[in-house]
Amino acid sequence: MNLKAARQRQKALRDANRRAKRPDRDDVARVALFWLIRRAIEKGQQMELEKFRNKIVSMLTDQGFDERECDAVFDDLVAKYRMGGSPFRRKIHLIYPDGPDQEV
């Protein structure tokens, strides 16, 4: 398959997934990570959160990422998620597939 055909196939797949309102792997991973971190914070499970952090950072560094940068990103996420509320923007294109002026 040439590069142009592969791009067209991927675009068609993304468009079909958007019409079906199907989340992708990254959408599920973001929500799961938020839920896991918020749950640990709410239950006061600081030791479990620290073990989780260490494992995630280790796995990222095994992929070649800088350990200090991984620590910083994880710590930033925990700080952001600690504030409460949802850190995710609404997916307007999913709520209003025909444009923002349509009725729900």
C-alpha atoms as a PDB file:
ATOM      1  CA  MET A   1       0.000   0.000   0.000  1.00  0.00           C
ATOM      2  CA  ASN A   2       1.438   3.356  -0.929  1.00  0.00           C
ATOM      3  CA  LEU A   3       1.670   6.279   1.478  1.00  0.00           C
ATOM      4  CA  LYS A   4      -1.198   8.231  -0.112  1.00  0.00           C
ATOM      5  CA  ALA A   5      -3.558   5.246   0.096  1.00  0.00           C
ATOM      6  CA  ALA A   6      -2.545   4.627   3.728  1.00  0.00           C
ATOM      7  CA  ARG A   7      -3.284   8.267   4.616  1.00  0.00           C
ATOM      8  CA  GLN A   8      -6.678   8.104   2.914  1.00  0.00           C
ATOM      9  CA  ARG A   9      -7.487   4.853   4.709  1.00  0.00           C
ATOM     10  CA  GLN A  10      -6.508   6.342   8.092  1.00  0.00           C
ATOM     11  CA  LYS A  11      -8.570   9.480   7.439  1.00  0.00           C
ATOM     12  CA  ALA A  12     -11.591   7.374   6.492  1.00  0.00           C
ATOM     13  CA  LEU A  13     -11.149   5.343   9.685  1.00  0.00           C
ATOM     14  CA  ARG A  14     -10.852   8.474  11.858  1.00  0.00           C
ATOM     15  CA  ASP A  15     -13.928   9.982  10.181  1.00  0.00           C
ATOM     16  CA  ALA A  16     -15.932   6.774  10.723  1.00  0.00           C
ATOM     17  CA  ASN A  17     -14.840   6.630  14.374  1.00  0.00           C
ATOM     18  CA  ARG A  18     -15.826  10.280  14.860  1.00  0.00           C
ATOM     19  CA  ARG A  19     -19.274   9.668  13.348  1.00  0.00           C
ATOM     20  CA  ALA A  20     -19.695   6.598  15.578  1.00  0.00           C
ATOM     21  CA  LYS A  21     -18.482   8.649  18.585  1.00  0.00           C
ATOM     22  CA  ARG A  22     -15.951   5.875  19.215  1.00  0.00           C
ATOM     23  CA  PRO A  23     -13.151   6.811  21.649  1.00  0.00           C
ATOM     24  CA  ASP A  24      -9.631   5.868  20.674  1.00  0.00           C
ATOM     25  CA  ARG A  25      -6.977   4.229  22.812  1.00  0.00           C
ATOM     26  CA  ASP A  26      -5.640   7.593  23.999  1.00  0.00           C
ATOM     27  CA  ASP A  27      -9.103   8.773  25.075  1.00  0.00           C
ATOM     28  CA  VAL A  28      -9.582   5.651  27.201  1.00  0.00           C
ATOM     29  CA  ALA A  29      -6.051   5.892  28.631  1.00  0.00           C
ATOM     30  CA  ARG A  30      -6.494   9.565  29.634  1.00  0.00           C
ATOM     31  CA  VAL A  31      -9.768   8.894  31.428  1.00  0.00           C
ATOM     32  CA  ALA A  32      -8.405   5.753  33.122  1.00  0.00           C
ATOM     33  CA  LEU A  33      -5.312   7.587  34.364  1.00  0.00           C
ATOM     34  CA  PHE A  34      -7.415  10.467  35.687  1.00  0.00           C
ATOM     35  CA  TRP A  35      -9.770   8.060  37.470  1.00  0.00           C
ATOM     36  CA  LEU A  36      -6.912   6.043  38.996  1.00  0.00           C
ATOM     37  CA  ILE A  37      -5.035   9.102  40.269  1.00  0.00           C
ATOM     38  CA  ARG A  38      -8.185  10.818  41.610  1.00  0.00           C
ATOM     39  CA  ARG A  39      -9.255   7.616  43.367  1.00  0.00           C
ATOM     40  CA  ALA A  40      -5.869   7.251  45.066  1.00  0.00           C
ATOM     41  CA  ILE A  41      -5.963  10.906  46.157  1.00  0.00           C
ATOM     42  CA  GLU A  42      -9.534  10.675  47.470  1.00  0.00           C
ATOM     43  CA  LYS A  43      -8.778   7.480  49.414  1.00  0.00           C
ATOM     44  CA  GLY A  44      -5.527   8.867  50.831  1.00  0.00           C
ATOM     45  CA  GLN A  45      -3.513   6.103  49.158  1.00  0.00           C
ATOM     46  CA  GLN A  46      -0.283   8.088  48.869  1.00  0.00           C
ATOM     47  CA  MET A  47       1.932   4.976  49.073  1.00  0.00           C
ATOM     48  CA  GLU A  48      -0.021   3.275  46.266  1.00  0.00           C
ATOM     49  CA  LEU A  49       0.136   6.422  44.165  1.00  0.00           C
ATOM     50  CA  GLU A  50       3.895   6.594  44.718  1.00  0.00           C
ATOM     51  CA  LYS A  51       4.314   2.926  43.666  1.00  0.00           C
ATOM     52  CA  PHE A  52       2.213   3.589  40.582  1.00  0.00           C
ATOM     53  CA  ARG A  53       4.280   6.687  39.779  1.00  0.00           C
ATOM     54  CA  ASN A  54       7.545   4.780  40.148  1.00  0.00           C
ATOM     55  CA  LYS A  55       6.314   2.019  37.836  1.00  0.00           C
ATOM     56  CA  ILE A  56       5.050   4.430  35.187  1.00  0.00           C
ATOM     57  CA  VAL A  57       8.270   6.461  35.266  1.00  0.00           C
ATOM     58  CA  SER A  58      10.332   3.255  35.047  1.00  0.00           C
ATOM     59  CA  MET A  59       8.353   2.030  32.050  1.00  0.00           C
ATOM     60  CA  LEU A  60       8.740   5.395  30.309  1.00  0.00           C
ATOM     61  CA  THR A  61      12.482   5.530  30.954  1.00  0.00           C
ATOM     62  CA  ASP A  62      12.766   1.997  29.568  1.00  0.00           C
ATOM     63  CA  GLN A  63      11.373   3.478  26.346  1.00  0.00           C
ATOM     64  CA  GLY A  64      14.127   6.107  26.339  1.00  0.00           C
ATOM     65  CA  PHE A  65      12.420   9.082  28.008  1.00  0.00           C
ATOM     66  CA  ASP A  66      14.372  11.199  30.506  1.00  0.00           C
ATOM     67  CA  GLU A  67      13.618  10.125  34.090  1.00  0.00           C
ATOM     68  CA  ARG A  68      13.503  13.664  35.506  1.00  0.00           C
ATOM     69  CA  GLU A  69      11.146  14.774  32.755  1.00  0.00           C
ATOM     70  CA  CYS A  70       8.904  11.744  33.399  1.00  0.00           C
ATOM     71  CA  ASP A  71       8.835  12.563  37.121  1.00  0.00           C
ATOM     72  CA  ALA A  72       7.947  16.183  36.341  1.00  0.00           C
ATOM     73  CA  VAL A  73       5.129  15.281  33.934  1.00  0.00           C
ATOM     74  CA  PHE A  74       3.642  12.730  36.330  1.00  0.00           C
ATOM     75  CA  ASP A  75       3.879  15.142  39.274  1.00  0.00           C
ATOM     76  CA  ASP A  76       2.219  17.874  37.184  1.00  0.00           C
ATOM     77  CA  LEU A  77      -0.656  15.520  36.344  1.00  0.00           C
ATOM     78  CA  VAL A  78      -1.140  14.577  39.993  1.00  0.00           C
ATOM     79  CA  ALA A  79      -1.139  18.251  40.991  1.00  0.00           C
ATOM     80  CA  LYS A  80      -3.651  19.081  38.243  1.00  0.00           C
ATOM     81  CA  TYR A  81      -5.911  16.135  39.103  1.00  0.00           C
ATOM     82  CA  ARG A  82      -5.703  16.939  42.819  1.00  0.00           C
ATOM     83  CA  MET A  83      -7.487  20.238  42.136  1.00  0.00           C
ATOM     84  CA  GLY A  84     -10.725  18.379  41.390  1.00  0.00           C
ATOM     85  CA  GLY A  85     -13.167  18.687  38.567  1.00  0.00           C
ATOM     86  CA  SER A  86     -12.660  17.185  35.163  1.00  0.00           C
ATOM     87  CA  PRO A  87      -9.473  18.235  33.360  1.00  0.00           C
ATOM     88  CA  PHE A  88     -10.964  17.260  30.002  1.00  0.00           C
ATOM     89  CA  ARG A  89     -12.479  19.572  27.457  1.00  0.00           C
ATOM     90  CA  ARG A  90     -15.871  18.700  26.052  1.00  0.00           C
ATOM     91  CA  LYS A  91     -15.705  17.119  22.617  1.00  0.00           C
ATOM     92  CA  ILE A  92     -17.912  19.634  20.824  1.00  0.00           C
ATOM     93  CA  HIS A  93     -17.547  17.775  17.532  1.00  0.00           C
ATOM     94  CA  LEU A  94     -19.107  14.724  19.225  1.00  0.00           C
ATOM     95  CA  ILE A  95     -21.873  16.616  21.001  1.00  0.00           C
ATOM     96  CA  TYR A  96     -22.758  18.687  17.912  1.00  0.00           C
ATOM     97  CA  PRO A  97     -21.647  16.627  14.882  1.00  0.00           C
ATOM     98  CA  ASP A  98     -23.480  18.984  12.497  1.00  0.00           C
ATOM     99  CA  GLY A  99     -21.984  22.146  13.988  1.00  0.00           C
ATOM    100  CA  PRO A 100     -22.276  24.133  17.250  1.00  0.00           C
ATOM    101  CA  ASP A 101     -25.559  25.822  16.254  1.00  0.00           C
ATOM    102  CA  GLN A 102     -27.610  22.606  16.324  1.00  0.00           C
ATOM    103  CA  GLU A 103     -30.043  21.751  19.107  1.00  0.00           C
ATOM    104  CA  VAL A 104     -29.214  18.851  21.445  1.00  0.00           C
END
